[in-house]
Amino acid sequence: METTSQGDPRVLFVMNLVLSSVFAAVVIWGLSTVDITQFTIVNVGSLALVVMAATYLITR
């Protein structure tokens, strides 16, 4: 007998939010180091939203 668990959606959402935000901060920091963009909360937030949306679409 095989059972699958989807997990608590709230926990998955928070994990996605945290991991996407950390990833976005690292990417934007790296890009700001080579003077491609500025490290701002708007840039980090925008990239985090894009990564979260992509992750959601890929896993659904």
PDB file of N, CA and C in Angstrom:
ATOM      1  N   MET A   1       0.848  -1.177   0.000  1.00  0.00           N
ATOM      2  CA  MET A   1       0.000   0.000   0.000  1.00  0.00           C
ATOM      3  C   MET A   1       0.890   1.235   0.000  1.00  0.00           C
ATOM      4  N   GLU A   2       0.670   2.097  -0.977  1.00  0.00           N
ATOM      5  CA  GLU A   2       1.473   3.302  -1.099  1.00  0.00           C
ATOM      6  C   GLU A   2       0.614   4.517  -0.770  1.00  0.00           C
ATOM      7  N   THR A   3       1.117   5.332   0.146  1.00  0.00           N
ATOM      8  CA  THR A   3       0.402   6.552   0.497  1.00  0.00           C
ATOM      9  C   THR A   3       1.274   7.752   0.145  1.00  0.00           C
ATOM     10  N   THR A   4       0.626   8.798  -0.286  1.00  0.00           N
ATOM     11  CA  THR A   4       1.360  10.028  -0.573  1.00  0.00           C
ATOM     12  C   THR A   4       0.779  11.153   0.261  1.00  0.00           C
ATOM     13  N   SER A   5       1.646  12.050   0.685  1.00  0.00           N
ATOM     14  CA  SER A   5       1.225  13.186   1.483  1.00  0.00           C
ATOM     15  C   SER A   5       1.600  14.471   0.763  1.00  0.00           C
ATOM     16  N   GLN A   6       0.662  15.373   0.630  1.00  0.00           N
ATOM     17  CA  GLN A   6       0.916  16.656  -0.005  1.00  0.00           C
ATOM     18  C   GLN A   6       1.547  17.642   0.978  1.00  0.00           C
ATOM     19  N   GLY A   7       1.417  17.400   2.256  1.00  0.00           N
ATOM     20  CA  GLY A   7       1.942  18.316   3.255  1.00  0.00           C
ATOM     21  C   GLY A   7       0.995  19.478   3.485  1.00  0.00           C
ATOM     22  N   ASP A   8       1.300  20.248   4.480  1.00  0.00           N
ATOM     23  CA  ASP A   8       0.491  21.419   4.807  1.00  0.00           C
ATOM     24  C   ASP A   8       0.817  22.538   3.827  1.00  0.00           C
ATOM     25  N   PRO A   9      -0.155  23.048   3.095  1.00  0.00           N
ATOM     26  CA  PRO A   9       0.123  24.089   2.098  1.00  0.00           C
ATOM     27  C   PRO A   9       0.737  25.355   2.690  1.00  0.00           C
ATOM     28  N   ARG A  10       0.414  25.665   3.934  1.00  0.00           N
ATOM     29  CA  ARG A  10       0.990  26.856   4.564  1.00  0.00           C
ATOM     30  C   ARG A  10       2.485  26.692   4.776  1.00  0.00           C
ATOM     31  N   VAL A  11       2.890  25.508   5.185  1.00  0.00           N
ATOM     32  CA  VAL A  11       4.313  25.240   5.391  1.00  0.00           C
ATOM     33  C   VAL A  11       5.047  25.292   4.055  1.00  0.00           C
ATOM     34  N   LEU A  12       4.460  24.704   3.032  1.00  0.00           N
ATOM     35  CA  LEU A  12       5.074  24.735   1.709  1.00  0.00           C
ATOM     36  C   LEU A  12       5.197  26.161   1.185  1.00  0.00           C
ATOM     37  N   PHE A  13       4.168  26.980   1.417  1.00  0.00           N
ATOM     38  CA  PHE A  13       4.208  28.371   0.979  1.00  0.00           C
ATOM     39  C   PHE A  13       5.320  29.139   1.683  1.00  0.00           C
ATOM     40  N   VAL A  14       5.427  28.970   2.995  1.00  0.00           N
ATOM     41  CA  VAL A  14       6.460  29.683   3.759  1.00  0.00           C
ATOM     42  C   VAL A  14       7.855  29.211   3.349  1.00  0.00           C
ATOM     43  N   MET A  15       8.015  27.909   3.150  1.00  0.00           N
ATOM     44  CA  MET A  15       9.311  27.397   2.696  1.00  0.00           C
ATOM     45  C   MET A  15       9.667  27.978   1.329  1.00  0.00           C
ATOM     46  N   ASN A  16       8.708  28.028   0.425  1.00  0.00           N
ATOM     47  CA  ASN A  16       8.933  28.589  -0.897  1.00  0.00           C
ATOM     48  C   ASN A  16       9.299  30.067  -0.787  1.00  0.00           C
ATOM     49  N   LEU A  17       8.589  30.796   0.062  1.00  0.00           N
ATOM     50  CA  LEU A  17       8.854  32.218   0.265  1.00  0.00           C
ATOM     51  C   LEU A  17      10.268  32.455   0.788  1.00  0.00           C
ATOM     52  N   VAL A  18      10.649  31.726   1.811  1.00  0.00           N
ATOM     53  CA  VAL A  18      11.973  31.912   2.426  1.00  0.00           C
ATOM     54  C   VAL A  18      13.084  31.525   1.454  1.00  0.00           C
ATOM     55  N   LEU A  19      12.975  30.347   0.857  1.00  0.00           N
ATOM     56  CA  LEU A  19      14.041  29.884  -0.034  1.00  0.00           C
ATOM     57  C   LEU A  19      14.142  30.743  -1.295  1.00  0.00           C
ATOM     58  N   SER A  20      13.013  31.174  -1.838  1.00  0.00           N
ATOM     59  CA  SER A  20      13.034  32.034  -3.016  1.00  0.00           C
ATOM     60  C   SER A  20      13.634  33.395  -2.675  1.00  0.00           C
ATOM     61  N   SER A  21      13.322  33.913  -1.506  1.00  0.00           N
ATOM     62  CA  SER A  21      13.867  35.203  -1.094  1.00  0.00           C
ATOM     63  C   SER A  21      15.377  35.141  -0.882  1.00  0.00           C
ATOM     64  N   VAL A  22      15.841  34.088  -0.261  1.00  0.00           N
ATOM     65  CA  VAL A  22      17.282  33.931  -0.056  1.00  0.00           C
ATOM     66  C   VAL A  22      17.993  33.788  -1.405  1.00  0.00           C
ATOM     67  N   PHE A  23      17.436  32.974  -2.284  1.00  0.00           N
ATOM     68  CA  PHE A  23      18.018  32.797  -3.605  1.00  0.00           C
ATOM     69  C   PHE A  23      18.052  34.119  -4.364  1.00  0.00           C
ATOM     70  N   ALA A  24      16.945  34.858  -4.325  1.00  0.00           N
ATOM     71  CA  ALA A  24      16.876  36.143  -5.014  1.00  0.00           C
ATOM     72  C   ALA A  24      17.884  37.134  -4.439  1.00  0.00           C
ATOM     73  N   ALA A  25      18.043  37.158  -3.132  1.00  0.00           N
ATOM     74  CA  ALA A  25      19.004  38.073  -2.505  1.00  0.00           C
ATOM     75  C   ALA A  25      20.426  37.751  -2.940  1.00  0.00           C
ATOM     76  N   VAL A  26      20.753  36.469  -3.005  1.00  0.00           N
ATOM     77  CA  VAL A  26      22.100  36.071  -3.430  1.00  0.00           C
ATOM     78  C   VAL A  26      22.334  36.437  -4.893  1.00  0.00           C
ATOM     79  N   VAL A  27      21.352  36.189  -5.744  1.00  0.00           N
ATOM     80  CA  VAL A  27      21.497  36.513  -7.171  1.00  0.00           C
ATOM     81  C   VAL A  27      21.630  38.015  -7.374  1.00  0.00           C
ATOM     82  N   ILE A  28      20.777  38.800  -6.735  1.00  0.00           N
ATOM     83  CA  ILE A  28      20.839  40.253  -6.885  1.00  0.00           C
ATOM     84  C   ILE A  28      22.142  40.796  -6.293  1.00  0.00           C
ATOM     85  N   TRP A  29      22.589  40.242  -5.181  1.00  0.00           N
ATOM     86  CA  TRP A  29      23.868  40.661  -4.604  1.00  0.00           C
ATOM     87  C   TRP A  29      25.000  40.384  -5.585  1.00  0.00           C
ATOM     88  N   GLY A  30      24.999  39.205  -6.194  1.00  0.00           N
ATOM     89  CA  GLY A  30      26.029  38.870  -7.170  1.00  0.00           C
ATOM     90  C   GLY A  30      25.996  39.793  -8.373  1.00  0.00           C
ATOM     91  N   LEU A  31      24.796  40.091  -8.868  1.00  0.00           N
ATOM     92  CA  LEU A  31      24.675  40.993 -10.008  1.00  0.00           C
ATOM     93  C   LEU A  31      25.087  42.418  -9.646  1.00  0.00           C
ATOM     94  N   SER A  32      24.839  42.823  -8.411  1.00  0.00           N
ATOM     95  CA  SER A  32      25.258  44.165  -8.001  1.00  0.00           C
ATOM     96  C   SER A  32      26.774  44.232  -7.816  1.00  0.00           C
ATOM     97  N   THR A  33      27.397  43.107  -7.500  1.00  0.00           N
ATOM     98  CA  THR A  33      28.844  43.069  -7.351  1.00  0.00           C
ATOM     99  C   THR A  33      29.540  43.337  -8.678  1.00  0.00           C
ATOM    100  N   VAL A  34      28.955  42.862  -9.761  1.00  0.00           N
ATOM    101  CA  VAL A  34      29.549  43.088 -11.088  1.00  0.00           C
ATOM    102  C   VAL A  34      28.884  44.265 -11.808  1.00  0.00           C
ATOM    103  N   ASP A  35      28.184  45.098 -11.069  1.00  0.00           N
ATOM    104  CA  ASP A  35      27.564  46.337 -11.564  1.00  0.00           C
ATOM    105  C   ASP A  35      26.572  46.121 -12.700  1.00  0.00           C
ATOM    106  N   ILE A  36      25.769  45.075 -12.609  1.00  0.00           N
ATOM    107  CA  ILE A  36      24.704  44.855 -13.586  1.00  0.00           C
ATOM    108  C   ILE A  36      23.403  45.471 -13.092  1.00  0.00           C
ATOM    109  N   THR A  37      23.157  45.405 -11.789  1.00  0.00           N
ATOM    110  CA  THR A  37      21.961  45.986 -11.190  1.00  0.00           C
ATOM    111  C   THR A  37      22.285  46.463  -9.786  1.00  0.00           C
ATOM    112  N   GLN A  38      21.345  47.137  -9.160  1.00  0.00           N
ATOM    113  CA  GLN A  38      21.540  47.605  -7.794  1.00  0.00           C
ATOM    114  C   GLN A  38      20.866  46.650  -6.815  1.00  0.00           C
ATOM    115  N   PHE A  39      21.465  46.528  -5.647  1.00  0.00           N
ATOM    116  CA  PHE A  39      20.891  45.694  -4.596  1.00  0.00           C
ATOM    117  C   PHE A  39      19.859  46.516  -3.842  1.00  0.00           C
ATOM    118  N   THR A  40      18.580  46.352  -4.235  1.00  0.00           N
ATOM    119  CA  THR A  40      17.487  47.054  -3.564  1.00  0.00           C
ATOM    120  C   THR A  40      16.423  46.032  -3.174  1.00  0.00           C
ATOM    121  N   ILE A  41      15.591  46.416  -2.236  1.00  0.00           N
ATOM    122  CA  ILE A  41      14.524  45.534  -1.781  1.00  0.00           C
ATOM    123  C   ILE A  41      13.521  45.273  -2.899  1.00  0.00           C
ATOM    124  N   VAL A  42      13.336  46.249  -3.782  1.00  0.00           N
ATOM    125  CA  VAL A  42      12.413  46.072  -4.902  1.00  0.00           C
ATOM    126  C   VAL A  42      12.947  45.010  -5.866  1.00  0.00           C
ATOM    127  N   ASN A  43      14.237  45.069  -6.172  1.00  0.00           N
ATOM    128  CA  ASN A  43      14.825  44.072  -7.060  1.00  0.00           C
ATOM    129  C   ASN A  43      14.780  42.674  -6.446  1.00  0.00           C
ATOM    130  N   VAL A  44      15.114  42.583  -5.169  1.00  0.00           N
ATOM    131  CA  VAL A  44      15.080  41.283  -4.495  1.00  0.00           C
ATOM    132  C   VAL A  44      13.651  40.756  -4.435  1.00  0.00           C
ATOM    133  N   GLY A  45      12.720  41.606  -4.072  1.00  0.00           N
ATOM    134  CA  GLY A  45      11.315  41.197  -3.989  1.00  0.00           C
ATOM    135  C   GLY A  45      10.747  40.770  -5.334  1.00  0.00           C
ATOM    136  N   SER A  46      11.089  41.514  -6.367  1.00  0.00           N
ATOM    137  CA  SER A  46      10.601  41.170  -7.709  1.00  0.00           C
ATOM    138  C   SER A  46      11.124  39.815  -8.164  1.00  0.00           C
ATOM    139  N   LEU A  47      12.415  39.602  -7.994  1.00  0.00           N
ATOM    140  CA  LEU A  47      12.987  38.313  -8.384  1.00  0.00           C
ATOM    141  C   LEU A  47      12.432  37.182  -7.518  1.00  0.00           C
ATOM    142  N   ALA A  48      12.220  37.438  -6.238  1.00  0.00           N
ATOM    143  CA  ALA A  48      11.653  36.415  -5.359  1.00  0.00           C
ATOM    144  C   ALA A  48      10.247  36.026  -5.819  1.00  0.00           C
ATOM    145  N   LEU A  49       9.445  37.002  -6.228  1.00  0.00           N
ATOM    146  CA  LEU A  49       8.100  36.701  -6.728  1.00  0.00           C
ATOM    147  C   LEU A  49       8.150  35.872  -8.012  1.00  0.00           C
ATOM    148  N   VAL A  50       9.088  36.206  -8.892  1.00  0.00           N
ATOM    149  CA  VAL A  50       9.231  35.449 -10.137  1.00  0.00           C
ATOM    150  C   VAL A  50       9.649  34.012  -9.840  1.00  0.00           C
ATOM    151  N   VAL A  51      10.605  33.844  -8.936  1.00  0.00           N
ATOM    152  CA  VAL A  51      11.069  32.496  -8.576  1.00  0.00           C
ATOM    153  C   VAL A  51       9.954  31.710  -7.891  1.00  0.00           C
ATOM    154  N   MET A  52       9.192  32.365  -7.007  1.00  0.00           N
ATOM    155  CA  MET A  52       8.081  31.685  -6.336  1.00  0.00           C
ATOM    156  C   MET A  52       7.027  31.235  -7.335  1.00  0.00           C
ATOM    157  N   ALA A  53       6.695  32.094  -8.286  1.00  0.00           N
ATOM    158  CA  ALA A  53       5.702  31.743  -9.290  1.00  0.00           C
ATOM    159  C   ALA A  53       6.184  30.589 -10.167  1.00  0.00           C
ATOM    160  N   ALA A  54       7.441  30.649 -10.561  1.00  0.00           N
ATOM    161  CA  ALA A  54       8.003  29.567 -11.383  1.00  0.00           C
ATOM    162  C   ALA A  54       8.005  28.247 -10.618  1.00  0.00           C
ATOM    163  N   THR A  55       8.392  28.292  -9.364  1.00  0.00           N
ATOM    164  CA  THR A  55       8.407  27.082  -8.531  1.00  0.00           C
ATOM    165  C   THR A  55       6.997  26.508  -8.390  1.00  0.00           C
ATOM    166  N   TYR A  56       6.021  27.382  -8.167  1.00  0.00           N
ATOM    167  CA  TYR A  56       4.634  26.936  -8.031  1.00  0.00           C
ATOM    168  C   TYR A  56       4.148  26.268  -9.315  1.00  0.00           C
ATOM    169  N   LEU A  57       4.408  26.917 -10.449  1.00  0.00           N
ATOM    170  CA  LEU A  57       3.955  26.368 -11.720  1.00  0.00           C
ATOM    171  C   LEU A  57       4.630  25.044 -12.077  1.00  0.00           C
ATOM    172  N   ILE A  58       5.908  24.934 -11.756  1.00  0.00           N
ATOM    173  CA  ILE A  58       6.643  23.706 -12.060  1.00  0.00           C
ATOM    174  C   ILE A  58       6.171  22.545 -11.187  1.00  0.00           C
ATOM    175  N   THR A  59       5.858  22.822  -9.926  1.00  0.00           N
ATOM    176  CA  THR A  59       5.494  21.731  -9.018  1.00  0.00           C
ATOM    177  C   THR A  59       4.021  21.359  -9.065  1.00  0.00           C
ATOM    178  N   ARG A  60       3.199  22.127  -9.753  1.00  0.00           N
ATOM    179  CA  ARG A  60       1.767  21.811  -9.833  1.00  0.00           C
ATOM    180  C   ARG A  60       1.456  21.053 -11.048  1.00  0.00           C
TER     181      ARG A  60
END
